[in-house]
C-alpha atoms as a PDB file:
ATOM      1  CA  MET A   1      78.351 146.437 141.675  1.00  0.00           C
ATOM      2  CA  ALA A   2      77.725 149.538 139.374  1.00  0.00           C
ATOM      3  CA  GLY A   3      74.841 149.264 137.147  1.00  0.00           C
ATOM      4  CA  ILE A   4      75.205 149.747 133.238  1.00  0.00           C
ATOM      5  CA  ASN A   5      76.011 153.154 132.068  1.00  0.00           C
ATOM      6  CA  GLN A   6      73.007 154.955 131.468  1.00  0.00           C
ATOM      7  CA  ARG A   7      74.495 156.743 128.237  1.00  0.00           C
ATOM      8  CA  ALA A   8      75.389 153.112 127.197  1.00  0.00           C
ATOM      9  CA  GLN A   9      71.853 151.684 128.018  1.00  0.00           C
ATOM     10  CA  VAL A  10      70.053 154.541 125.869  1.00  0.00           C
ATOM     11  CA  GLY A  11      72.656 155.076 123.249  1.00  0.00           C
ATOM     12  CA  PHE A  12      72.654 151.509 122.265  1.00  0.00           C
ATOM     13  CA  SER A  13      68.958 150.720 122.367  1.00  0.00           C
ATOM     14  CA  ASN A  14      68.663 150.321 118.760  1.00  0.00           C
ATOM     15  CA  SER A  15      70.866 147.173 119.123  1.00  0.00           C
ATOM     16  CA  ALA A  16      69.654 145.823 115.640  1.00  0.00           C
ATOM     17  CA  ALA A  17      71.219 148.780 114.048  1.00  0.00           C
ATOM     18  CA  TYR A  18      74.259 148.756 115.628  1.00  0.00           C
ATOM     19  CA  ASP A  19      74.651 145.105 114.660  1.00  0.00           C
ATOM     20  CA  GLN A  20      73.993 146.026 110.976  1.00  0.00           C
ATOM     21  CA  TYR A  21      76.168 149.096 110.729  1.00  0.00           C
ATOM     22  CA  ARG A  22      79.013 148.695 113.008  1.00  0.00           C
ATOM     23  CA  PRO A  23      81.960 147.034 111.249  1.00  0.00           C
ATOM     24  CA  ALA A  24      83.159 143.488 111.437  1.00  0.00           C
ATOM     25  CA  TYR A  25      86.812 142.658 112.759  1.00  0.00           C
ATOM     26  CA  THR A  26      89.319 141.494 110.036  1.00  0.00           C
ATOM     27  CA  PRO A  27      90.845 138.205 110.213  1.00  0.00           C
ATOM     28  CA  SER A  28      94.232 139.619 110.463  1.00  0.00           C
ATOM     29  CA  ALA A  29      93.279 141.777 113.329  1.00  0.00           C
ATOM     30  CA  THR A  30      91.658 139.067 115.283  1.00  0.00           C
ATOM     31  CA  GLU A  31      94.564 136.572 114.526  1.00  0.00           C
ATOM     32  CA  GLU A  32      96.822 139.340 116.090  1.00  0.00           C
ATOM     33  CA  LEU A  33      94.795 139.644 119.278  1.00  0.00           C
ATOM     34  CA  LEU A  34      94.426 135.836 119.753  1.00  0.00           C
ATOM     35  CA  THR A  35      98.116 135.413 118.959  1.00  0.00           C
ATOM     36  CA  GLN A  36      99.075 137.700 121.556  1.00  0.00           C
ATOM     37  CA  CYS A  37      96.484 136.244 124.123  1.00  0.00           C
ATOM     38  CA  ARG A  38      98.444 132.937 123.481  1.00  0.00           C
ATOM     39  CA  VAL A  39      95.061 131.311 122.243  1.00  0.00           C
ATOM     40  CA  ALA A  40      95.601 131.345 118.554  1.00  0.00           C
ATOM     41  CA  GLY A  41      95.841 127.641 117.310  1.00  0.00           C
ATOM     42  CA  LYS A  42      95.135 126.238 120.702  1.00  0.00           C
ATOM     43  CA  LYS A  43      92.200 123.987 120.063  1.00  0.00           C
ATOM     44  CA  HIS A  44      89.010 124.344 122.558  1.00  0.00           C
ATOM     45  CA  SER A  45      90.556 127.214 124.553  1.00  0.00           C
ATOM     46  CA  ARG A  46      88.039 128.823 127.003  1.00  0.00           C
ATOM     47  CA  ILE A  47      87.470 132.416 126.065  1.00  0.00           C
ATOM     48  CA  LEU A  48      85.526 135.099 127.748  1.00  0.00           C
ATOM     49  CA  ASP A  49      84.234 137.703 125.491  1.00  0.00           C
ATOM     50  CA  LEU A  50      83.351 140.357 127.911  1.00  0.00           C
ATOM     51  CA  ALA A  51      80.905 142.947 127.047  1.00  0.00           C
ATOM     52  CA  ALA A  52      80.093 140.943 123.814  1.00  0.00           C
ATOM     53  CA  GLY A  53      77.467 143.374 122.608  1.00  0.00           C
ATOM     54  CA  THR A  54      75.402 141.955 119.519  1.00  0.00           C
ATOM     55  CA  GLY A  55      78.415 139.383 119.039  1.00  0.00           C
ATOM     56  CA  LYS A  56      80.409 141.208 116.351  1.00  0.00           C
ATOM     57  CA  PHE A  57      83.699 139.893 117.743  1.00  0.00           C
ATOM     58  CA  THR A  58      81.917 136.746 119.054  1.00  0.00           C
ATOM     59  CA  GLU A  59      81.317 135.910 115.308  1.00  0.00           C
ATOM     60  CA  ALA A  60      84.957 136.367 114.541  1.00  0.00           C
ATOM     61  CA  LEU A  61      85.909 133.923 117.070  1.00  0.00           C
ATOM     62  CA  VAL A  62      83.381 131.410 116.018  1.00  0.00           C
ATOM     63  CA  SER A  63      84.609 131.710 112.512  1.00  0.00           C
ATOM     64  CA  ARG A  64      88.081 130.162 113.433  1.00  0.00           C
ATOM     65  CA  ASP A  65      89.181 126.561 113.440  1.00  0.00           C
ATOM     66  CA  GLU A  66      90.181 126.059 117.158  1.00  0.00           C
ATOM     67  CA  GLY A  67      86.660 125.319 118.289  1.00  0.00           C
ATOM     68  CA  TYR A  68      86.971 127.673 121.261  1.00  0.00           C
ATOM     69  CA  GLU A  69      84.378 127.316 124.129  1.00  0.00           C
ATOM     70  CA  ILE A  70      83.115 130.890 124.274  1.00  0.00           C
ATOM     71  CA  ILE A  71      81.200 132.575 127.355  1.00  0.00           C
ATOM     72  CA  ALA A  72      79.796 135.883 126.056  1.00  0.00           C
ATOM     73  CA  VAL A  73      79.010 138.105 128.769  1.00  0.00           C
ATOM     74  CA  GLU A  74      76.780 141.282 128.012  1.00  0.00           C
ATOM     75  CA  PRO A  75      74.714 143.546 130.495  1.00  0.00           C
ATOM     76  CA  HIS A  76      72.552 145.285 127.888  1.00  0.00           C
ATOM     77  CA  ASP A  77      69.279 143.326 127.339  1.00  0.00           C
ATOM     78  CA  GLY A  78      68.930 144.561 123.876  1.00  0.00           C
ATOM     79  CA  MET A  79      72.308 143.603 122.664  1.00  0.00           C
ATOM     80  CA  ARG A  80      72.240 140.317 124.519  1.00  0.00           C
ATOM     81  CA  ASP A  81      69.192 139.281 122.843  1.00  0.00           C
ATOM     82  CA  VAL A  82      70.287 140.063 119.326  1.00  0.00           C
ATOM     83  CA  LEU A  83      73.471 137.913 120.078  1.00  0.00           C
ATOM     84  CA  ALA A  84      71.418 135.112 121.416  1.00  0.00           C
ATOM     85  CA  GLU A  85      69.065 134.988 118.552  1.00  0.00           C
ATOM     86  CA  LYS A  86      72.260 134.260 116.124  1.00  0.00           C
ATOM     87  CA  GLU A  87      72.790 130.914 118.149  1.00  0.00           C
ATOM     88  CA  LEU A  88      76.312 131.058 117.506  1.00  0.00           C
ATOM     89  CA  PRO A  89      77.950 127.179 117.868  1.00  0.00           C
ATOM     90  CA  GLY A  90      80.053 126.934 120.795  1.00  0.00           C
ATOM     91  CA  VAL A  91      78.753 130.084 122.497  1.00  0.00           C
ATOM     92  CA  THR A  92      77.046 130.356 125.810  1.00  0.00           C
ATOM     93  CA  VAL A  93      75.473 133.639 126.392  1.00  0.00           C
ATOM     94  CA  LYS A  94      75.214 135.155 129.983  1.00  0.00           C
ATOM     95  CA  SER A  95      73.934 138.389 131.531  1.00  0.00           C
ATOM     96  CA  GLY A  96      76.714 140.095 133.676  1.00  0.00           C
ATOM     97  CA  MET A  97      78.914 143.211 134.445  1.00  0.00           C
ATOM     98  CA  ALA A  98      82.545 143.598 134.153  1.00  0.00           C
ATOM     99  CA  ASP A  99      82.663 143.853 137.989  1.00  0.00           C
ATOM    100  CA  LYS A 100      80.590 140.945 138.762  1.00  0.00           C
ATOM    101  CA  ILE A 101      81.398 138.298 135.892  1.00  0.00           C
ATOM    102  CA  PRO A 102      79.373 135.080 136.370  1.00  0.00           C
ATOM    103  CA  LEU A 103      82.456 132.809 136.244  1.00  0.00           C
ATOM    104  CA  ASP A 104      84.345 130.705 138.718  1.00  0.00           C
ATOM    105  CA  ASP A 105      88.096 131.768 139.506  1.00  0.00           C
ATOM    106  CA  GLU A 106      90.674 131.043 137.113  1.00  0.00           C
ATOM    107  CA  SER A 107      88.452 129.467 134.592  1.00  0.00           C
ATOM    108  CA  VAL A 108      89.201 130.982 131.394  1.00  0.00           C
ATOM    109  CA  ASP A 109      92.514 131.051 129.175  1.00  0.00           C
ATOM    110  CA  ALA A 110      91.670 134.746 127.978  1.00  0.00           C
ATOM    111  CA  VAL A 111      89.586 137.655 128.234  1.00  0.00           C
ATOM    112  CA  VAL A 112      88.957 139.559 125.274  1.00  0.00           C
ATOM    113  CA  VAL A 113      86.851 143.044 125.156  1.00  0.00           C
ATOM    114  CA  ALA A 114      85.646 144.240 121.794  1.00  0.00           C
ATOM    115  CA  GLN A 115      84.799 148.001 121.473  1.00  0.00           C
ATOM    116  CA  ALA A 116      83.852 148.211 125.236  1.00  0.00           C
ATOM    117  CA  PHE A 117      86.808 148.394 127.570  1.00  0.00           C
ATOM    118  CA  HIS A 118      86.522 152.147 127.942  1.00  0.00           C
ATOM    119  CA  TRP A 119      83.126 151.750 129.670  1.00  0.00           C
ATOM    120  CA  PHE A 120      84.530 149.840 132.580  1.00  0.00           C
ATOM    121  CA  ALA A 121      88.208 150.987 132.798  1.00  0.00           C
ATOM    122  CA  ASN A 122      88.166 150.931 136.696  1.00  0.00           C
ATOM    123  CA  LYS A 123      89.871 148.782 139.360  1.00  0.00           C
ATOM    124  CA  ALA A 124      86.976 146.899 140.251  1.00  0.00           C
ATOM    125  CA  ALA A 125      86.649 145.567 136.701  1.00  0.00           C
ATOM    126  CA  MET A 126      90.435 144.887 136.420  1.00  0.00           C
ATOM    127  CA  LYS A 127      90.207 142.942 139.870  1.00  0.00           C
ATOM    128  CA  GLU A 128      87.203 140.755 138.554  1.00  0.00           C
ATOM    129  CA  ILE A 129      89.064 140.271 134.995  1.00  0.00           C
ATOM    130  CA  HIS A 130      92.047 139.129 137.097  1.00  0.00           C
ATOM    131  CA  ARG A 131      89.991 136.703 138.994  1.00  0.00           C
ATOM    132  CA  VAL A 132      88.347 134.776 136.286  1.00  0.00           C
ATOM    133  CA  LEU A 133      91.709 134.447 134.160  1.00  0.00           C
ATOM    134  CA  LYS A 134      94.182 131.544 134.595  1.00  0.00           C
ATOM    135  CA  PRO A 135      97.687 132.055 135.908  1.00  0.00           C
ATOM    136  CA  HIS A 136      99.481 134.001 132.985  1.00  0.00           C
ATOM    137  CA  GLY A 137      96.249 134.223 131.108  1.00  0.00           C
ATOM    138  CA  ALA A 138      95.632 137.390 128.740  1.00  0.00           C
ATOM    139  CA  LEU A 139      93.445 140.400 128.486  1.00  0.00           C
ATOM    140  CA  GLY A 140      92.946 141.624 124.853  1.00  0.00           C
ATOM    141  CA  MET A 141      91.136 144.602 123.797  1.00  0.00           C
ATOM    142  CA  ILE A 142      90.246 145.559 120.357  1.00  0.00           C
ATOM    143  CA  TRP A 143      88.525 148.781 118.627  1.00  0.00           C
ATOM    144  CA  ASN A 144      87.337 149.514 115.514  1.00  0.00           C
ATOM    145  CA  ILE A 145      87.718 153.304 115.140  1.00  0.00           C
ATOM    146  CA  GLU A 146      86.875 155.427 112.044  1.00  0.00           C
ATOM    147  CA  ASP A 147      88.778 158.471 111.539  1.00  0.00           C
ATOM    148  CA  TYR A 148      85.696 160.797 112.538  1.00  0.00           C
ATOM    149  CA  ASN A 149      85.633 159.401 115.893  1.00  0.00           C
ATOM    150  CA  ALA A 150      89.442 159.118 116.707  1.00  0.00           C
ATOM    151  CA  PRO A 151      91.682 160.583 119.406  1.00  0.00           C
ATOM    152  CA  ARG A 152      92.024 164.288 118.850  1.00  0.00           C
ATOM    153  CA  ASP A 153      95.775 163.853 117.691  1.00  0.00           C
ATOM    154  CA  HIS A 154      94.992 161.587 114.955  1.00  0.00           C
ATOM    155  CA  LYS A 155      95.069 162.938 111.507  1.00  0.00           C
ATOM    156  CA  ALA A 156      91.753 162.005 109.445  1.00  0.00           C
ATOM    157  CA  THR A 157      92.699 160.564 105.856  1.00  0.00           C
ATOM    158  CA  THR A 158      90.372 162.905 103.997  1.00  0.00           C
ATOM    159  CA  ALA A 159      88.953 166.486 104.421  1.00  0.00           C
ATOM    160  CA  TRP A 160      85.400 165.552 105.096  1.00  0.00           C
ATOM    161  CA  GLU A 161      86.571 162.955 107.798  1.00  0.00           C
ATOM    162  CA  ALA A 162      88.690 165.700 109.369  1.00  0.00           C
ATOM    163  CA  LYS A 163      85.213 168.044 109.424  1.00  0.00           C
ATOM    164  CA  VAL A 164      83.267 165.103 111.005  1.00  0.00           C
ATOM    165  CA  GLN A 165      86.206 164.531 113.503  1.00  0.00           C
ATOM    166  CA  ASP A 166      85.714 167.934 114.440  1.00  0.00           C
ATOM    167  CA  LEU A 167      81.919 167.668 114.871  1.00  0.00           C
ATOM    168  CA  THR A 168      82.492 164.670 116.859  1.00  0.00           C
ATOM    169  CA  TRP A 169      84.711 166.492 119.399  1.00  0.00           C
ATOM    170  CA  THR A 170      82.127 169.178 119.939  1.00  0.00           C
ATOM    171  CA  PHE A 171      80.233 166.712 122.028  1.00  0.00           C
ATOM    172  CA  ASN A 172      81.476 166.354 125.738  1.00  0.00           C
ATOM    173  CA  ASP A 173      78.767 164.474 128.032  1.00  0.00           C
ATOM    174  CA  ASN A 174      81.668 163.631 130.403  1.00  0.00           C
ATOM    175  CA  GLU A 175      81.168 159.985 129.438  1.00  0.00           C
ATOM    176  CA  PRO A 176      84.079 157.456 128.825  1.00  0.00           C
ATOM    177  CA  ARG A 177      84.768 157.407 125.260  1.00  0.00           C
ATOM    178  CA  PHE A 178      87.817 155.510 123.517  1.00  0.00           C
ATOM    179  CA  ARG A 179      88.705 158.799 121.753  1.00  0.00           C
ATOM    180  CA  HIS A 180      89.658 160.275 125.033  1.00  0.00           C
ATOM    181  CA  GLN A 181      92.131 157.748 125.915  1.00  0.00           C
ATOM    182  CA  LYS A 182      91.309 157.873 129.656  1.00  0.00           C
ATOM    183  CA  TRP A 183      90.904 154.005 129.635  1.00  0.00           C
ATOM    184  CA  ARG A 184      94.713 153.727 129.808  1.00  0.00           C
ATOM    185  CA  GLN A 185      94.826 155.429 133.216  1.00  0.00           C
ATOM    186  CA  VAL A 186      93.718 152.219 134.915  1.00  0.00           C
ATOM    187  CA  PHE A 187      96.894 150.350 133.741  1.00  0.00           C
ATOM    188  CA  GLU A 188      99.029 153.313 134.201  1.00  0.00           C
ATOM    189  CA  ASP A 189      97.773 153.908 138.033  1.00  0.00           C
ATOM    190  CA  GLN A 190      99.179 150.427 138.865  1.00  0.00           C
ATOM    191  CA  SER A 191     102.719 151.584 138.124  1.00  0.00           C
ATOM    192  CA  LYS A 192     102.411 154.716 140.101  1.00  0.00           C
ATOM    193  CA  SER A 193     102.719 152.609 143.616  1.00  0.00           C
ATOM    194  CA  THR A 194     106.036 152.032 145.281  1.00  0.00           C
ATOM    195  CA  PRO A 195     107.326 148.437 145.530  1.00  0.00           C
ATOM    196  CA  LEU A 196     106.383 148.461 149.163  1.00  0.00           C
ATOM    197  CA  SER A 197     102.821 149.439 148.361  1.00  0.00           C
ATOM    198  CA  LEU A 198     102.615 146.883 145.586  1.00  0.00           C
ATOM    199  CA  ILE A 199     103.497 144.088 147.989  1.00  0.00           C
ATOM    200  CA  ILE A 200     101.079 145.241 150.754  1.00  0.00           C
ATOM    201  CA  ALA A 201      98.119 146.239 148.638  1.00  0.00           C
ATOM    202  CA  ASN A 202      98.651 143.825 145.574  1.00  0.00           C
ATOM    203  CA  ASP A 203      97.207 146.480 143.472  1.00  0.00           C
ATOM    204  CA  GLN A 204      99.017 145.439 140.129  1.00  0.00           C
ATOM    205  CA  TYR A 205      96.823 143.064 138.294  1.00  0.00           C
ATOM    206  CA  PHE A 206      98.265 143.142 134.936  1.00  0.00           C
ATOM    207  CA  ALA A 207     101.789 143.533 133.181  1.00  0.00           C
ATOM    208  CA  LEU A 208     103.029 146.614 131.889  1.00  0.00           C
ATOM    209  CA  PRO A 209     103.782 148.087 129.221  1.00  0.00           C
ATOM    210  CA  LEU A 210     100.740 147.201 127.187  1.00  0.00           C
ATOM    211  CA  GLY A 211     101.302 145.614 123.895  1.00  0.00           C
ATOM    212  CA  GLU A 212      99.697 147.525 120.936  1.00  0.00           C
ATOM    213  CA  HIS A 213      99.045 147.033 117.183  1.00  0.00           C
ATOM    214  CA  LEU A 214      97.686 149.252 114.697  1.00  0.00           C
ATOM    215  CA  GLU A 215      95.945 148.166 111.493  1.00  0.00           C
ATOM    216  CA  PRO A 216      94.480 150.603 109.144  1.00  0.00           C
ATOM    217  CA  PHE A 217      91.023 149.898 107.198  1.00  0.00           C
ATOM    218  CA  GLU A 218      89.014 151.367 104.408  1.00  0.00           C
ATOM    219  CA  VAL A 219      85.430 150.694 103.439  1.00  0.00           C
ATOM    220  CA  TRP A 220      83.359 151.973 100.727  1.00  0.00           C
ATOM    221  CA  LEU A 221      79.627 152.825 101.717  1.00  0.00           C
ATOM    222  CA  PRO A 222      76.746 154.644 100.319  1.00  0.00           C
ATOM    223  CA  LYS A 223      76.461 158.206 101.950  1.00  0.00           C
ATOM    224  CA  ASP A 224      73.352 157.204 103.695  1.00  0.00           C
ATOM    225  CA  LYS A 225      74.966 154.273 105.129  1.00  0.00           C
ATOM    226  CA  VAL A 226      77.784 156.317 106.317  1.00  0.00           C
ATOM    227  CA  TRP A 227      75.565 158.363 108.423  1.00  0.00           C
ATOM    228  CA  GLU A 228      73.832 155.257 109.755  1.00  0.00           C
ATOM    229  CA  ARG A 229      77.313 153.919 110.710  1.00  0.00           C
ATOM    230  CA  TYR A 230      78.107 157.381 112.417  1.00  0.00           C
ATOM    231  CA  ASN A 231      74.583 157.199 114.131  1.00  0.00           C
ATOM    232  CA  THR A 232      75.589 153.974 116.024  1.00  0.00           C
ATOM    233  CA  ILE A 233      77.904 156.146 118.115  1.00  0.00           C
ATOM    234  CA  SER A 234      75.953 156.213 121.411  1.00  0.00           C
ATOM    235  CA  HIS A 235      76.239 160.074 122.113  1.00  0.00           C
ATOM    236  CA  ILE A 236      75.056 160.617 118.527  1.00  0.00           C
ATOM    237  CA  ALA A 237      72.337 158.012 118.797  1.00  0.00           C
ATOM    238  CA  VAL A 238      70.853 159.879 121.602  1.00  0.00           C
ATOM    239  CA  LEU A 239      70.300 163.178 120.079  1.00  0.00           C
ATOM    240  CA  GLU A 240      67.031 164.707 119.524  1.00  0.00           C
ATOM    241  CA  GLY A 241      65.175 167.670 117.982  1.00  0.00           C
ATOM    242  CA  GLU A 242      67.015 170.601 116.740  1.00  0.00           C
ATOM    243  CA  GLU A 243      70.389 169.256 117.966  1.00  0.00           C
ATOM    244  CA  ARG A 244      69.939 165.996 115.968  1.00  0.00           C
ATOM    245  CA  GLU A 245      68.918 168.208 112.813  1.00  0.00           C
ATOM    246  CA  ARG A 246      71.939 170.394 113.268  1.00  0.00           C
ATOM    247  CA  THR A 247      74.335 167.341 113.616  1.00  0.00           C
ATOM    248  CA  TYR A 248      72.861 165.700 110.576  1.00  0.00           C
ATOM    249  CA  LYS A 249      73.206 168.720 108.325  1.00  0.00           C
ATOM    250  CA  THR A 250      76.821 169.342 109.576  1.00  0.00           C
ATOM    251  CA  PHE A 251      77.691 165.571 108.862  1.00  0.00           C
ATOM    252  CA  MET A 252      75.798 165.671 105.236  1.00  0.00           C
ATOM    253  CA  ASP A 253      77.368 168.950 104.472  1.00  0.00           C
ATOM    254  CA  ALA A 254      80.935 167.448 104.975  1.00  0.00           C
ATOM    255  CA  LEU A 255      80.061 164.146 103.338  1.00  0.00           C
ATOM    256  CA  ASN A 256      78.597 166.017 100.308  1.00  0.00           C
ATOM    257  CA  SER A 257      81.580 168.675  99.874  1.00  0.00           C
ATOM    258  CA  PRO A 258      82.858 169.107  96.355  1.00  0.00           C
ATOM    259  CA  GLU A 259      86.144 167.417  97.299  1.00  0.00           C
ATOM    260  CA  VAL A 260      84.596 164.277  98.479  1.00  0.00           C
ATOM    261  CA  GLU A 261      85.611 161.384  95.905  1.00  0.00           C
ATOM    262  CA  THR A 262      83.087 158.712  95.209  1.00  0.00           C
ATOM    263  CA  ASN A 263      83.567 155.361  93.041  1.00  0.00           C
ATOM    264  CA  ASP A 264      81.289 154.451  90.310  1.00  0.00           C
ATOM    265  CA  LYS A 265      78.584 153.220  92.619  1.00  0.00           C
ATOM    266  CA  GLY A 266      78.367 156.653  94.374  1.00  0.00           C
ATOM    267  CA  GLU A 267      80.128 155.422  97.470  1.00  0.00           C
ATOM    268  CA  VAL A 268      82.406 157.013  99.573  1.00  0.00           C
ATOM    269  CA  ALA A 269      85.623 155.771 101.406  1.00  0.00           C
ATOM    270  CA  VAL A 270      85.567 155.469 105.195  1.00  0.00           C
ATOM    271  CA  HIS A 271      88.995 155.154 106.797  1.00  0.00           C
ATOM    272  CA  GLY A 272      89.992 154.365 110.438  1.00  0.00           C
ATOM    273  CA  ASN A 273      92.145 151.975 112.298  1.00  0.00           C
ATOM    274  CA  THR A 274      91.652 148.899 114.289  1.00  0.00           C
ATOM    275  CA  TYR A 275      93.568 149.127 117.718  1.00  0.00           C
ATOM    276  CA  VAL A 276      94.644 145.887 119.289  1.00  0.00           C
ATOM    277  CA  VAL A 277      95.913 146.150 122.855  1.00  0.00           C
ATOM    278  CA  TRP A 278      96.898 143.279 125.198  1.00  0.00           C
ATOM    279  CA  THR A 279      98.416 142.587 128.568  1.00  0.00           C
ATOM    280  CA  THR A 280      99.127 139.364 130.715  1.00  0.00           C
ATOM    281  CA  LYS A 281      97.821 138.547 133.920  1.00  0.00           C
ATOM    282  CA  ILE A 282     100.173 138.750 137.128  1.00  0.00           C
ATOM    283  CA  PRO A 283      99.511 135.635 139.097  1.00  0.00           C
ATOM    284  CA  GLU A 284      98.660 135.913 142.502  1.00  0.00           C
ATOM    285  CA  ASP A 285     102.164 134.518 143.636  1.00  0.00           C
ATOM    286  CA  GLY A 286     103.844 136.945 141.283  1.00  0.00           C
ATOM    287  CA  ARG A 287     102.073 140.302 142.344  1.00  0.00           C
ATOM    288  CA  GLY A 288     104.459 142.530 143.909  1.00  0.00           C
ATOM    289  CA  ASP A 289     107.541 140.843 142.606  1.00  0.00           C
ATOM    290  CA  LEU A 290     107.400 142.364 138.948  1.00  0.00           C
ATOM    291  CA  LEU A 291     110.988 141.223 137.797  1.00  0.00           C
ATOM    292  CA  ASP A 292     109.334 137.704 137.258  1.00  0.00           C
ATOM    293  CA  VAL A 293     106.406 138.836 135.328  1.00  0.00           C
ATOM    294  CA  GLU A 294     105.960 137.701 131.839  1.00  0.00           C
ATOM    295  CA  ARG A 295     105.635 140.878 129.634  1.00  0.00           C
ATOM    296  CA  PRO A 296     103.013 141.234 127.018  1.00  0.00           C
ATOM    297  CA  GLY A 297     103.871 139.839 123.585  1.00  0.00           C
ATOM    298  CA  ALA A 298     106.913 138.044 124.993  1.00  0.00           C
END
């Protein structure tokens, strides 16, 4: 079992700040994800919230009427402590990794991963998620992604956000980030096998193509809180000395540009998208026979 990514370990060390400044998930995006995972409206469904962090998405699950049984698995001690202290009803908090989940085979109706799948988009994690899902269970992924942390081809809503997006892309620590979109590769690699190799190796764990939904968001924040929010990105949080000062100055120069609009409270609009992605498990008796697989969103 691989250990927790060192960049994530250090970058998310200020777990309380992460919990305070990272955005919550809207009811509409949450509904979309749970509908596609086939657990919306299904009372007492058993859901694994994998890499639950400080519980930002766990709280969205708890707020609903289904009375879900939620197992929140998180490897980062600091984040898991913040989550445990919330004492959310119906939630069991466990330590665990994506490639070593502390649950029995075929024991959950859905696996949801919020803001984290890119950290463990590998075959070992896919195999383990497949193991704990019930037959025809679903894997749902969700990310809140601000314009300034978006993929390179995303056009930022405002000029200042475009400048900060450019700043973000100057950092390349060779670690997995959502904006690089490399997390998709683990799903795409499944379909590169020949039909014969699928039957022999049973390498296809989840149905393709992935289902996807995009929901734009806008939130108004004081300028100092915009920086605090940006600072929760792990590779920004770890900056020190001159590099940190330089980054802060570049960020604030963009935020204080003459063209930046503020409301009567002096707040600035931060724009982004919530990305909802889902797929369904291919049961053991269906792997290698892809014609019989129920497709995502069907």
